[in-house]
């Protein structure tokens, strides 16, 4: 009995000592974040992915962070793991996947992520649902000045968060209005200037229209390839106006309005007047290649051939021009480009906002992050100077930190043209996505729009006639989609997309 009591006392004494020691050890390890024994896991959410292909994502976003933070392990958590349904049989009755709901699930589930990397179309929805941690105070504590970043990026992010910063982006994808100096000089026309409206640029483009047939030159194209998808270009051009084709319930068309009529008239008239070239215009002097003809990758690009005076081009087009100017002598009839850029034009009622600037790779902290300190450390690193210096070498994205924005070696152009245009706020993106998830057949409205728009360009209808027809057929189609949101709809043929016909027969009462 005495032995048992002695042993019991010995265990109690040891237990008490351990109880006192454990907090000390815990304090030593948890307070020292660089302690190799203090390992933590940071869970980072992505929109799409799988464990089989996460290596590219890690190379782009996390490898450098893990290298510089050896006691933090990164776990990648895709909101939509496409391998889970990769080999499933298609189910036409299955509910469409809602990407934003999937994102919210990994943020609010039993094992929530710490950081979410997303595009700007998702950010606003997460902010409205209070799922993200505001970063303004954290930036101030870390002495990070928002003024060090491109205003277009900061303002674009704030527009999604009621004036607050809920995310940061290390890079963005801007565009600018490229113009051919020689063509303006030849026709004695003043080149474009900063902060021009679309109407001013289109009026300028009319002055650049010259010649006929093989000698014809044109004023403007929406992209460096010239005439590709006129309706698609229309939708990007009008995006800042936030015009709706149907009401928020997708039950009634809203296209037969002065605003839509003005937009359709403006663009279709530029094609009809050959201020913007059609496919036929650009093919007049293409010629036929034979076995002795050197392949010319610029043959299909009107701006490089000196056929178009102005074009909307992405930041990456600068590299294309640099390569072209080093090799133009290898191609018969090609001349060196003397060029510059100004800001993408905007609408007078929405100055400085364009559908040709986009934000992606936005990093934000989950409001329910289990590991908020490391989450901020990651967001800060991803958008900091070390990472920014590496990302500044990208040929197709521009760094968000102003100090790394530089004119490419050996070139001279107005680089500020890429830094001032803000992206569209995407105010209705979530609601639109919800509608499309519930009624996937709404894509047919876009097909109908494209068909009617092309009929105007082809002089088969006036704008008023096309919009009236679009409204009538669209209203009927919306009711059919409401009754049959996913399946086959009678009267819609297979050639609707891309210039075919779409035949919507009226519903019988």
Protein backbone atom coordinates (compact mmCIF):
# COMPACT_ATOMS: atom_id res chain seq x y z
CA UNK A 1 0.00 0.00 0.00
CA UNK A 2 2.89 2.32 0.88
CA UNK A 3 4.58 1.56 -2.45
CA UNK A 4 1.43 2.34 -4.38
CA UNK A 5 1.00 5.69 -2.60
CA UNK A 6 4.66 6.55 -3.19
CA UNK A 7 4.33 5.74 -6.91
CA UNK A 8 1.16 7.75 -7.14
CA UNK A 9 2.84 10.77 -5.52
CA UNK A 10 5.79 10.36 -7.89
CA UNK A 11 3.48 10.43 -10.96
CA UNK A 12 1.54 13.39 -9.59
CA UNK A 13 4.78 15.34 -9.02
CA UNK A 14 6.02 14.52 -12.54
CA UNK A 15 2.65 15.42 -14.02
CA UNK A 16 2.67 18.77 -12.25
CA UNK A 17 6.16 19.47 -13.54
CA UNK A 18 5.12 18.62 -17.10
CA UNK A 19 2.05 20.78 -16.75
CA UNK A 20 4.27 23.71 -15.84
CA UNK A 21 6.81 22.92 -18.59
CA UNK A 22 4.40 22.54 -21.54
CA UNK A 23 3.29 26.20 -21.68
CA UNK A 24 6.93 27.27 -21.56
CA UNK A 25 7.81 25.01 -24.49
CA UNK A 26 4.72 26.08 -26.37
CA UNK A 27 5.57 29.72 -25.86
CA UNK A 28 9.14 29.17 -27.05
CA UNK A 29 8.00 27.49 -30.26
CA UNK A 30 4.83 29.39 -31.13
CA UNK A 31 6.33 32.83 -30.59
CA UNK A 32 9.28 32.07 -32.85
CA UNK A 33 7.85 31.75 -36.33
CA UNK A 34 11.28 30.93 -37.75
CA UNK A 35 11.68 27.94 -35.48
CA UNK A 36 11.93 24.89 -37.82
CA UNK A 37 9.92 22.89 -35.29
CA UNK A 38 7.07 25.38 -35.49
CA UNK A 39 5.58 24.15 -38.77
CA UNK A 40 2.28 25.51 -40.03
CA UNK A 41 0.10 24.82 -43.02
CA UNK A 42 -1.30 27.63 -45.13
CA UNK A 43 -4.31 26.60 -47.22
CA UNK A 44 -4.69 28.56 -50.46
CA UNK A 45 -7.86 28.36 -52.53
CA UNK A 46 -8.02 28.51 -56.32
CA UNK A 47 -10.96 28.64 -58.70
CA UNK A 48 -10.09 25.49 -60.63
CA UNK A 49 -7.45 22.79 -60.53
CA UNK A 50 -6.46 19.37 -59.26
CA UNK A 51 -3.59 17.73 -57.45
CA UNK A 52 -2.35 16.41 -60.81
CA UNK A 53 -1.66 19.83 -62.30
CA UNK A 54 -0.98 22.11 -59.35
CA UNK A 55 2.75 22.31 -60.16
CA UNK A 56 2.18 25.22 -62.57
CA UNK A 57 0.18 27.11 -59.94
CA UNK A 58 2.91 26.51 -57.38
CA UNK A 59 5.57 27.79 -59.77
CA UNK A 60 3.52 30.92 -60.42
CA UNK A 61 2.47 31.74 -56.87
CA UNK A 62 3.85 29.70 -53.97
CA UNK A 63 7.28 28.16 -54.60
CA UNK A 64 9.21 31.34 -53.80
CA UNK A 65 7.15 31.91 -50.68
CA UNK A 66 7.79 28.38 -49.41
CA UNK A 67 11.48 28.76 -50.17
CA UNK A 68 11.70 31.95 -48.11
CA UNK A 69 9.38 30.63 -45.36
CA UNK A 70 10.75 27.12 -44.73
CA UNK A 71 8.42 26.29 -41.85
CA UNK A 72 5.20 27.05 -43.76
CA UNK A 73 3.72 24.29 -45.91
CA UNK A 74 1.35 25.29 -48.71
CA UNK A 75 -1.77 23.25 -49.42
CA UNK A 76 -3.61 24.07 -52.65
CA UNK A 77 -7.41 23.73 -52.46
CA UNK A 78 -9.30 24.11 -55.77
CA UNK A 79 -12.92 25.21 -55.45
CA UNK A 80 -13.70 23.05 -58.48
CA UNK A 81 -11.60 19.91 -58.87
CA UNK A 82 -12.39 18.91 -62.43
CA UNK A 83 -10.92 15.41 -61.97
CA UNK A 84 -13.87 14.58 -59.72
CA UNK A 85 -16.26 14.67 -62.67
CA UNK A 86 -13.81 14.21 -65.53
CA UNK A 87 -15.11 10.78 -66.51
CA UNK A 88 -18.76 11.16 -65.49
CA UNK A 89 -21.48 10.65 -68.06
CA UNK A 90 -23.12 13.98 -69.04
CA UNK A 91 -26.38 14.53 -67.19
CA UNK A 92 -28.61 17.12 -68.89
CA UNK A 93 -30.80 17.28 -65.78
CA UNK A 94 -27.92 17.93 -63.38
CA UNK A 95 -27.77 21.33 -61.74
CA UNK A 96 -24.97 23.42 -63.30
CA UNK A 97 -21.95 24.02 -61.12
CA UNK A 98 -21.92 27.49 -59.58
CA UNK A 99 -18.23 28.49 -59.31
CA UNK A 100 -18.88 31.22 -56.75
CA UNK A 101 -20.87 28.89 -54.50
CA UNK A 102 -18.00 26.42 -54.72
CA UNK A 103 -15.59 29.15 -53.65
CA UNK A 104 -17.80 30.07 -50.72
CA UNK A 105 -17.93 26.40 -49.69
CA UNK A 106 -14.15 26.13 -49.27
CA UNK A 107 -14.14 29.43 -47.39
CA UNK A 108 -16.89 28.61 -44.91
CA UNK A 109 -16.69 24.81 -44.58
CA UNK A 110 -15.36 22.83 -41.60
CA UNK A 111 -11.74 23.29 -42.79
CA UNK A 112 -11.73 26.77 -44.32
CA UNK A 113 -8.94 28.05 -46.53
CA UNK A 114 -6.74 30.95 -45.42
CA UNK A 115 -6.19 32.72 -48.75
CA UNK A 116 -8.26 32.87 -51.93
CA UNK A 117 -6.73 33.64 -55.32
CA UNK A 118 -9.38 34.68 -57.83
CA UNK A 119 -10.32 36.98 -60.68
CA UNK A 120 -12.17 40.26 -60.31
CA UNK A 121 -15.53 38.75 -61.26
CA UNK A 122 -15.59 36.82 -57.97
CA UNK A 123 -14.26 39.50 -55.64
CA UNK A 124 -17.39 41.65 -55.45
CA UNK A 125 -19.63 38.74 -54.47
CA UNK A 126 -17.30 37.66 -51.65
CA UNK A 127 -17.11 41.23 -50.35
CA UNK A 128 -20.91 41.57 -50.32
CA UNK A 129 -21.20 38.38 -48.27
CA UNK A 130 -18.59 39.60 -45.74
CA UNK A 131 -16.30 36.65 -46.51
CA UNK A 132 -13.08 38.63 -46.88
CA UNK A 133 -10.84 40.48 -44.46
CA UNK A 134 -10.22 44.16 -45.30
CA UNK A 135 -6.55 44.86 -45.94
CA UNK A 136 -6.33 48.63 -45.40
CA UNK A 137 -5.37 48.40 -41.72
CA UNK A 138 -2.89 45.59 -42.34
CA UNK A 139 -1.22 47.57 -45.11
CA UNK A 140 -0.92 50.57 -42.81
CA UNK A 141 0.59 48.44 -40.02
CA UNK A 142 3.09 46.96 -42.49
CA UNK A 143 3.85 50.44 -43.89
CA UNK A 144 2.68 49.50 -47.37
CA UNK A 145 1.57 52.57 -49.30
CA UNK A 146 -1.27 52.00 -51.81
CA UNK A 147 0.17 54.91 -53.79
CA UNK A 148 3.11 52.67 -54.71
CA UNK A 149 0.73 50.68 -56.93
CA UNK A 150 -0.77 51.59 -60.28
CA UNK A 151 -3.89 53.70 -59.58
CA UNK A 152 -5.94 51.71 -62.09
CA UNK A 153 -5.27 48.52 -60.11
CA UNK A 154 -6.01 49.98 -56.67
CA UNK A 155 -9.08 51.87 -57.88
CA UNK A 156 -10.32 48.81 -59.76
CA UNK A 157 -10.09 46.67 -56.62
CA UNK A 158 -11.67 49.35 -54.43
CA UNK A 159 -14.61 49.63 -56.81
CA UNK A 160 -15.47 46.04 -55.87
CA UNK A 161 -15.21 46.70 -52.14
CA UNK A 162 -17.14 49.91 -51.42
CA UNK A 163 -13.96 51.95 -51.37
CA UNK A 164 -11.94 49.48 -49.31
CA UNK A 165 -9.17 47.11 -50.34
CA UNK A 166 -10.13 43.47 -49.86
CA UNK A 167 -7.47 42.07 -52.19
CA UNK A 168 -4.24 42.89 -53.98
CA UNK A 169 -2.92 41.88 -57.40
CA UNK A 170 0.78 41.62 -58.34
CA UNK A 171 0.10 42.10 -62.06
CA UNK A 172 -2.71 43.14 -64.37
CA UNK A 173 -3.57 42.99 -68.07
CA UNK A 174 -3.91 46.43 -69.63
CA UNK A 175 -4.41 47.48 -73.23
CA UNK A 176 -3.79 50.71 -75.12
CA UNK A 177 -4.57 52.39 -78.44
CA UNK A 178 -1.61 51.73 -80.77
CA UNK A 179 -1.21 54.06 -83.74
CA UNK A 180 0.97 54.21 -86.84
CA UNK A 181 2.78 57.57 -86.92
CA UNK A 182 3.62 57.36 -90.64
CA UNK A 183 -0.02 56.98 -91.66
CA UNK A 184 -1.05 60.07 -89.69
CA UNK A 185 1.85 62.07 -91.09
CA UNK A 186 1.16 60.95 -94.66
CA UNK A 187 -2.45 62.17 -94.49
CA UNK A 188 -1.56 65.27 -92.45
CA UNK A 189 -3.83 64.20 -89.57
CA UNK A 190 -2.99 64.91 -85.93
CA UNK A 191 -2.39 61.67 -83.99
CA UNK A 192 -4.57 60.60 -81.04
CA UNK A 193 -4.03 62.18 -77.65
CA UNK A 194 -4.61 61.17 -74.05
CA UNK A 195 -8.09 60.72 -72.59
CA UNK A 196 -9.98 60.62 -75.87
CA UNK A 197 -13.56 59.41 -76.04
CA UNK A 198 -14.70 56.68 -78.40
CA UNK A 199 -16.53 59.23 -80.55
CA UNK A 200 -13.34 61.29 -80.89
CA UNK A 201 -11.32 58.24 -81.91
CA UNK A 202 -13.95 57.13 -84.43
CA UNK A 203 -14.06 60.63 -85.94
CA UNK A 204 -10.28 60.52 -86.17
CA UNK A 205 -10.46 57.10 -87.80
CA UNK A 206 -12.72 58.47 -90.55
CA UNK A 207 -9.98 60.90 -91.52
CA UNK A 208 -7.58 57.98 -91.98
CA UNK A 209 -9.79 56.09 -94.45
CA UNK A 210 -8.07 56.35 -97.81
CA UNK A 211 -7.84 54.68 -101.22
CA UNK A 212 -9.68 51.76 -102.79
CA UNK A 213 -8.97 48.09 -103.47
CA UNK A 214 -5.35 47.09 -102.90
CA UNK A 215 -4.44 50.68 -102.06
CA UNK A 216 -7.11 51.07 -99.38
CA UNK A 217 -6.13 51.95 -95.82
CA UNK A 218 -8.44 52.01 -92.83
CA UNK A 219 -8.78 54.02 -89.68
CA UNK A 220 -9.30 51.58 -86.84
CA UNK A 221 -9.73 47.98 -85.71
CA UNK A 222 -10.63 46.58 -82.30
CA UNK A 223 -7.77 44.06 -82.42
CA UNK A 224 -4.54 43.47 -84.30
CA UNK A 225 -6.11 40.74 -86.43
CA UNK A 226 -8.66 43.11 -87.94
CA UNK A 227 -12.11 41.75 -88.71
CA UNK A 228 -12.75 38.70 -86.51
CA UNK A 229 -15.97 38.76 -84.50
CA UNK A 230 -17.83 42.08 -84.90
CA UNK A 231 -20.47 41.19 -82.32
CA UNK A 232 -17.87 40.09 -79.80
CA UNK A 233 -16.06 43.41 -80.26
CA UNK A 234 -19.36 45.24 -79.78
CA UNK A 235 -19.92 43.59 -76.39
CA UNK A 236 -16.45 44.58 -75.12
CA UNK A 237 -16.85 48.11 -76.46
CA UNK A 238 -20.24 48.61 -74.77
CA UNK A 239 -19.35 46.80 -71.51
CA UNK A 240 -18.71 49.99 -69.46
CA UNK A 241 -22.24 51.18 -70.28
CA UNK A 242 -23.68 48.19 -68.37
CA UNK A 243 -26.46 47.82 -70.96
CA UNK A 244 -28.76 44.87 -70.37
CA UNK A 245 -30.31 42.69 -73.06
CA UNK A 246 -33.04 41.48 -70.71
CA UNK A 247 -34.35 42.28 -67.24
CA UNK A 248 -32.92 40.87 -64.03
CA UNK A 249 -35.44 38.00 -64.10
CA UNK A 250 -34.57 37.07 -67.70
CA UNK A 251 -38.22 37.37 -68.70
CA UNK A 252 -38.35 40.49 -70.88
CA UNK A 253 -35.98 41.93 -73.49
CA UNK A 254 -34.54 45.42 -72.96
CA UNK A 255 -32.69 45.96 -76.26
CA UNK A 256 -35.06 48.13 -78.26
CA UNK A 257 -33.79 51.37 -76.69
CA UNK A 258 -31.97 54.52 -77.86
CA UNK A 259 -28.81 53.39 -76.03
CA UNK A 260 -28.65 50.05 -77.84
CA UNK A 261 -29.60 51.69 -81.12
CA UNK A 262 -26.78 54.20 -80.80
CA UNK A 263 -24.22 51.48 -80.00
CA UNK A 264 -25.29 49.25 -82.90
CA UNK A 265 -25.47 52.17 -85.31
CA UNK A 266 -22.02 53.45 -84.37
CA UNK A 267 -20.23 50.15 -84.94
CA UNK A 268 -22.16 48.85 -87.95
CA UNK A 269 -21.79 52.20 -89.74
CA UNK A 270 -18.00 52.09 -89.28
CA UNK A 271 -17.99 48.73 -91.06
CA UNK A 272 -20.36 49.89 -93.79
CA UNK A 273 -18.24 52.97 -94.45
CA UNK A 274 -15.08 50.82 -94.44
CA UNK A 275 -13.54 52.93 -91.71
CA UNK A 276 -13.11 49.57 -89.99
CA UNK A 277 -12.18 46.88 -92.52
CA UNK A 278 -14.30 43.83 -93.21
CA UNK A 279 -12.83 40.42 -94.02
CA UNK A 280 -13.28 41.15 -97.72
CA UNK A 281 -11.43 44.45 -97.39
CA UNK A 282 -8.41 42.76 -95.83
CA UNK A 283 -8.29 39.89 -98.32
CA UNK A 284 -8.08 42.08 -101.44
CA UNK A 285 -4.27 42.06 -101.57
CA UNK A 286 -3.48 38.90 -99.62
CA UNK A 287 -2.33 36.96 -102.68
CA UNK A 288 -1.59 33.26 -102.84
CA UNK A 289 1.42 31.59 -101.27
CA UNK A 290 3.46 29.08 -103.24
CA UNK A 291 6.33 26.81 -102.30
CA UNK A 292 8.86 29.57 -102.94
CA UNK A 293 7.13 32.15 -100.75
CA UNK A 294 8.49 32.77 -97.27
CA UNK A 295 5.86 32.36 -94.57
CA UNK A 296 4.85 35.78 -93.27
CA UNK A 297 3.23 35.60 -89.82
CA UNK A 298 2.20 39.25 -90.12
CA UNK A 299 0.32 38.85 -93.39
CA UNK A 300 -2.99 38.53 -91.57
CA UNK A 301 -2.34 41.46 -89.22
CA UNK A 302 -3.53 44.70 -90.78
CA UNK A 303 -1.71 47.04 -88.39
CA UNK A 304 1.68 45.49 -89.15
CA UNK A 305 1.02 45.69 -92.89
CA UNK A 306 0.33 49.41 -92.67
CA UNK A 307 -3.31 48.91 -93.64
CA UNK A 308 -4.85 50.20 -90.39
CA UNK A 309 -3.87 53.40 -88.58
CA UNK A 310 -5.10 52.58 -85.05
CA UNK A 311 -5.74 49.38 -83.14
CA UNK A 312 -6.57 48.30 -79.61
CA UNK A 313 -3.70 46.10 -78.47
CA UNK A 314 -2.74 44.34 -75.27
CA UNK A 315 0.48 45.02 -73.37
CA UNK A 316 1.96 41.94 -75.04
CA UNK A 317 1.63 43.54 -78.47
CA UNK A 318 4.77 45.56 -77.66
CA UNK A 319 6.78 42.34 -77.90
CA UNK A 320 5.14 41.52 -81.22
CA UNK A 321 6.18 44.92 -82.57
CA UNK A 322 9.73 44.54 -81.26
CA UNK A 323 10.06 41.17 -83.02
CA UNK A 324 8.49 42.55 -86.20
CA UNK A 325 10.80 45.58 -86.39
CA UNK A 326 13.84 43.30 -86.11
CA UNK A 327 12.64 41.07 -88.96
CA UNK A 328 10.43 43.15 -91.28
CA UNK A 329 13.10 43.24 -94.02
CA UNK A 330 12.73 39.49 -94.46
CA UNK A 331 9.20 39.94 -95.81
CA UNK A 332 8.46 41.47 -99.16
CA UNK A 333 6.60 44.76 -99.06
CA UNK A 334 6.76 45.22 -95.30
CA UNK A 335 7.98 48.42 -93.67
CA UNK A 336 9.31 49.22 -90.22
CA UNK A 337 6.62 50.37 -87.80
CA UNK A 338 6.94 53.87 -86.39
CA UNK A 339 4.38 53.80 -83.62
CA UNK A 340 3.25 54.95 -80.20
CA UNK A 341 0.33 54.42 -77.81
CA UNK A 342 -2.27 56.42 -75.88
CA UNK A 343 -4.93 55.30 -73.42
CA UNK A 344 -7.80 53.14 -74.63
CA UNK A 345 -10.69 55.50 -75.39
CA UNK A 346 -13.67 55.55 -73.04
CA UNK A 347 -17.23 56.82 -72.98
CA UNK A 348 -17.75 60.43 -71.94
CA UNK A 349 -20.17 59.33 -69.21
CA UNK A 350 -17.68 56.75 -67.88
CA UNK A 351 -14.25 58.37 -68.31
CA UNK A 352 -11.20 56.19 -67.83
CA UNK A 353 -13.14 52.91 -67.62
CA UNK A 354 -12.65 50.20 -70.23
CA UNK A 355 -13.48 46.59 -70.96
CA UNK A 356 -9.93 46.21 -72.30
CA UNK A 357 -8.25 46.25 -68.87
CA UNK A 358 -8.63 43.26 -66.55
CA UNK A 359 -7.49 42.15 -63.12
CA UNK A 360 -6.67 38.56 -62.24
CA UNK A 361 -4.62 36.67 -59.65
CA UNK A 362 -6.23 38.72 -56.89
CA UNK A 363 -5.18 37.45 -53.47
CA UNK A 364 -7.50 37.93 -50.51
CA UNK A 365 -7.68 36.68 -46.92
CA UNK A 366 -10.64 34.63 -45.78
CA UNK A 367 -12.51 36.38 -42.95
CA UNK A 368 -12.61 32.96 -41.26
CA UNK A 369 -8.95 32.12 -41.95
CA UNK A 370 -7.58 29.75 -39.27
CA UNK A 371 -4.11 31.18 -39.92
CA UNK A 372 -4.63 34.91 -40.64
CA UNK A 373 -1.08 36.02 -39.77
CA UNK A 374 0.56 33.68 -42.27
CA UNK A 375 -2.19 34.50 -44.74
CA UNK A 376 -1.25 38.19 -44.59
CA UNK A 377 2.42 37.26 -44.83
CA UNK A 378 1.66 35.42 -48.06
CA UNK A 379 -0.51 38.20 -49.55
CA UNK A 380 2.12 40.76 -48.58
CA UNK A 381 4.90 38.67 -50.15
CA UNK A 382 2.94 37.95 -53.32
CA UNK A 383 2.33 41.67 -53.82
CA UNK A 384 5.66 42.91 -52.48
CA UNK A 385 8.80 44.22 -54.11
CA UNK A 386 10.74 40.94 -54.28
CA UNK A 387 7.92 39.19 -56.10
CA UNK A 388 7.13 42.31 -58.12
CA UNK A 389 10.69 42.44 -59.45
CA UNK A 390 10.37 38.88 -60.74
CA UNK A 391 6.94 39.49 -62.25
CA UNK A 392 8.16 42.63 -64.00
CA UNK A 393 9.93 40.36 -66.48
CA UNK A 394 6.61 39.13 -67.85
CA UNK A 395 6.07 39.92 -71.50
CA UNK A 396 2.29 39.90 -71.31
CA UNK A 397 1.32 41.24 -67.87
CA UNK A 398 2.27 44.56 -66.33
CA UNK A 399 3.48 44.76 -62.71
CA UNK A 400 1.11 46.52 -60.33
CA UNK A 401 3.99 48.19 -58.46
CA UNK A 402 4.83 51.42 -60.26
CA UNK A 403 8.58 51.22 -59.62
CA UNK A 404 8.89 48.15 -61.85
CA UNK A 405 7.02 49.61 -64.82
CA UNK A 406 9.64 50.49 -67.39
CA UNK A 407 9.86 50.94 -71.13
CA UNK A 408 11.33 47.84 -72.70
CA UNK A 409 15.02 48.05 -73.56
CA UNK A 410 15.78 49.69 -76.88
CA UNK A 411 12.25 51.04 -77.35
CA UNK A 412 10.52 54.37 -76.86
CA UNK A 413 6.77 54.73 -76.25
CA UNK A 414 4.23 56.29 -73.91
CA UNK A 415 4.15 53.64 -71.19
CA UNK A 416 1.71 55.70 -69.09
CA UNK A 417 -0.95 54.75 -71.62
CA UNK A 418 -1.15 51.35 -69.93
CA UNK A 419 -1.46 52.56 -66.34
CA UNK A 420 -4.49 54.85 -66.15
CA UNK A 421 -7.47 52.95 -67.57
CA UNK A 422 -9.59 51.26 -64.90
CA UNK A 423 -11.37 47.92 -65.31
CA UNK A 424 -15.16 47.71 -65.24
CA UNK A 425 -16.53 47.28 -61.70
CA UNK A 426 -18.46 44.07 -62.62
CA UNK A 427 -21.36 45.13 -60.43
CA UNK A 428 -23.83 42.61 -61.83
CA UNK A 429 -21.45 39.73 -62.56
CA UNK A 430 -22.66 37.50 -59.72
CA UNK A 431 -26.34 37.99 -60.52
CA UNK A 432 -25.68 37.28 -64.18
CA UNK A 433 -23.74 34.14 -63.29
CA UNK A 434 -26.62 32.97 -61.13
CA UNK A 435 -29.06 33.42 -64.00
CA UNK A 436 -26.82 31.48 -66.36
CA UNK A 437 -26.42 28.70 -63.81
CA UNK A 438 -30.18 28.40 -63.47
CA UNK A 439 -30.87 28.79 -67.21
CA UNK A 440 -27.90 27.69 -69.33
CA UNK A 441 -29.98 28.15 -72.48
CA UNK A 442 -29.66 31.91 -72.07
CA UNK A 443 -26.60 31.64 -74.32
CA UNK A 444 -29.15 31.46 -77.16
CA UNK A 445 -29.95 35.14 -76.60
CA UNK A 446 -26.33 35.97 -77.39
CA UNK A 447 -26.55 33.85 -80.54
CA UNK A 448 -29.70 35.68 -81.57
CA UNK A 449 -27.99 39.03 -80.98
CA UNK A 450 -25.00 38.03 -83.09
CA UNK A 451 -27.25 36.91 -85.95
CA UNK A 452 -29.27 40.14 -86.02
CA UNK A 453 -26.16 42.32 -85.65
CA UNK A 454 -24.46 40.62 -88.61
CA UNK A 455 -27.58 41.17 -90.73
CA UNK A 456 -27.16 44.91 -90.20
CA UNK A 457 -23.50 44.80 -91.26
CA UNK A 458 -24.48 42.79 -94.34
CA UNK A 459 -27.12 45.43 -95.25
CA UNK A 460 -29.97 42.95 -94.86
CA UNK A 461 -31.68 45.09 -92.19
CA UNK A 462 -31.53 48.52 -90.63
CA UNK A 463 -30.54 48.84 -86.99
CA UNK A 464 -34.13 49.67 -86.02
CA UNK A 465 -35.45 46.61 -87.88
CA UNK A 466 -32.82 44.32 -86.37
CA UNK A 467 -33.40 45.50 -82.80
CA UNK A 468 -37.17 45.22 -83.19
CA UNK A 469 -36.76 41.67 -84.50
CA UNK A 470 -34.28 40.89 -81.75
CA UNK A 471 -36.78 42.12 -79.16
CA UNK A 472 -39.69 40.10 -80.58
CA UNK A 473 -37.78 36.86 -81.05
CA UNK A 474 -35.89 37.39 -77.80
CA UNK A 475 -39.05 37.79 -75.72
CA UNK A 476 -40.42 34.58 -77.16
CA UNK A 477 -37.13 32.78 -76.62
CA UNK A 478 -36.89 33.97 -72.99
CA UNK A 479 -40.26 32.39 -72.23
CA UNK A 480 -39.17 29.13 -73.83
CA UNK A 481 -35.94 29.20 -71.84
CA UNK A 482 -37.90 29.84 -68.65
CA UNK A 483 -39.98 26.72 -69.33
CA UNK A 484 -37.00 24.70 -70.55
CA UNK A 485 -33.83 26.23 -69.02
CA UNK A 486 -31.43 23.42 -70.03
CA UNK A 487 -32.77 21.09 -72.72
CA UNK A 488 -33.33 21.30 -76.46
CA UNK A 489 -35.66 24.10 -77.59
CA UNK A 490 -37.68 23.63 -80.75
CA UNK A 491 -37.10 26.25 -83.41
CA UNK A 492 -33.46 26.97 -82.60
CA UNK A 493 -31.27 25.46 -85.29
CA UNK A 494 -27.67 24.31 -85.05
CA UNK A 495 -26.23 27.12 -87.17
CA UNK A 496 -27.20 29.94 -84.85
CA UNK A 497 -23.73 30.57 -83.52
CA UNK A 498 -21.22 32.41 -85.64
CA UNK A 499 -23.21 33.77 -88.55
CA UNK A 500 -25.78 31.05 -89.07
CA UNK A 501 -29.50 31.51 -88.70
CA UNK A 502 -31.64 31.29 -85.62
CA UNK A 503 -35.30 30.58 -86.20
CA UNK A 504 -37.50 31.15 -83.19
CA UNK A 505 -41.12 30.40 -83.93
CA UNK A 506 -43.72 32.29 -81.85
CA UNK A 507 -45.27 30.43 -78.95
CA UNK A 508 -48.92 29.52 -79.31
CA UNK A 509 -51.32 30.90 -76.70
